[in-house]
Amino acid sequence: MNYPIPANPQEIVALRQKPVDEELVAAVIAGVIQIARSQGQSLDELTAEVLAEDGLLDQMQRSWLSDIVAQAWESLP
């Protein structure tokens, strides 16, 4: 992977300067999961945040992303 997994929210924000590709998205998802776990958050809590209404993604996209986050949560150590 060309991008390190972000260890904190500031590192995730810093990745906004990079061009978006599959590896960047994967690194950010892995970083979000690691940060959530380090804060004692459960998968249910994280997916609830992903599924929360926002102006960026529509319901179908949030649902798809929630599924991806759940799969990554289960596969990451």
Protein backbone atom coordinates (compact mmCIF):
# COMPACT_ATOMS: atom_id res chain seq x y z
CA MET A 1 0.00 0.00 0.00
CA ASN A 2 1.34 3.44 -0.90
CA TYR A 3 -0.28 5.18 2.05
CA PRO A 4 0.36 4.51 5.73
CA ILE A 5 -2.71 3.77 7.81
CA PRO A 6 -3.60 7.02 9.58
CA ALA A 7 -3.24 6.81 13.36
CA ASN A 8 -5.27 9.88 14.28
CA PRO A 9 -7.86 12.26 12.81
CA GLN A 10 -5.19 14.82 11.88
CA GLU A 11 -3.43 12.27 9.67
CA ILE A 12 -6.75 11.49 7.97
CA VAL A 13 -7.34 15.19 7.30
CA ALA A 14 -3.80 15.50 5.89
CA LEU A 15 -4.65 12.83 3.30
CA ARG A 16 -7.17 15.24 1.75
CA GLN A 17 -4.23 16.69 -0.16
CA LYS A 18 -3.67 13.38 -1.98
CA PRO A 19 -5.45 12.29 -5.16
CA VAL A 20 -8.28 9.90 -4.35
CA ASP A 21 -7.74 6.32 -5.43
CA GLU A 22 -8.61 2.86 -4.11
CA GLU A 23 -5.50 2.65 -1.92
CA LEU A 24 -6.20 5.99 -0.28
CA VAL A 25 -9.79 5.00 0.47
CA ALA A 26 -8.63 1.67 1.92
CA ALA A 27 -6.03 3.41 4.10
CA VAL A 28 -8.60 5.89 5.43
CA ILE A 29 -11.13 3.15 6.20
CA ALA A 30 -8.44 1.16 8.04
CA GLY A 31 -7.42 4.31 9.93
CA VAL A 32 -10.99 5.13 10.93
CA ILE A 33 -11.44 1.58 12.22
CA GLN A 34 -8.21 1.70 14.22
CA ILE A 35 -9.11 5.08 15.72
CA ALA A 36 -12.63 3.88 16.59
CA ARG A 37 -11.25 0.77 18.28
CA SER A 38 -8.66 2.78 20.21
CA GLN A 39 -11.51 4.96 21.53
CA GLY A 40 -13.47 1.90 22.64
CA GLN A 41 -16.09 2.27 19.94
CA SER A 42 -17.97 -0.82 18.78
CA LEU A 43 -18.66 -1.82 15.19
CA ASP A 44 -22.34 -1.00 15.76
CA GLU A 45 -21.46 2.51 16.92
CA LEU A 46 -19.17 3.08 13.96
CA THR A 47 -21.68 1.81 11.41
CA ALA A 48 -24.36 4.02 13.00
CA GLU A 49 -22.09 7.00 12.35
CA VAL A 50 -21.56 5.91 8.74
CA LEU A 51 -25.29 5.46 8.23
CA ALA A 52 -26.16 8.84 9.79
CA GLU A 53 -27.76 11.32 7.44
CA ASP A 54 -25.32 13.75 5.84
CA GLY A 55 -25.08 15.95 2.78
CA LEU A 56 -22.18 14.06 1.22
CA LEU A 57 -23.55 10.58 0.54
CA ASP A 58 -27.03 9.36 -0.26
CA GLN A 59 -28.65 6.49 1.64
CA MET A 60 -27.52 3.82 -0.84
CA GLN A 61 -23.90 5.03 -0.71
CA ARG A 62 -23.93 5.16 3.10
CA SER A 63 -25.31 1.63 3.24
CA TRP A 64 -22.64 0.38 0.81
CA LEU A 65 -19.91 2.12 2.82
CA SER A 66 -21.29 0.67 6.05
CA ASP A 67 -21.00 -2.83 4.58
CA ILE A 68 -17.40 -2.16 3.50
CA VAL A 69 -16.52 -0.82 6.97
CA ALA A 70 -18.05 -3.91 8.62
CA GLN A 71 -16.08 -6.24 6.32
CA ALA A 72 -12.86 -4.33 7.01
CA TRP A 73 -13.55 -4.35 10.77
CA GLU A 74 -13.79 -8.15 10.70
CA SER A 75 -10.65 -8.63 8.60
CA LEU A 76 -8.32 -6.15 10.31
CA PRO A 77 -6.32 -7.38 13.30
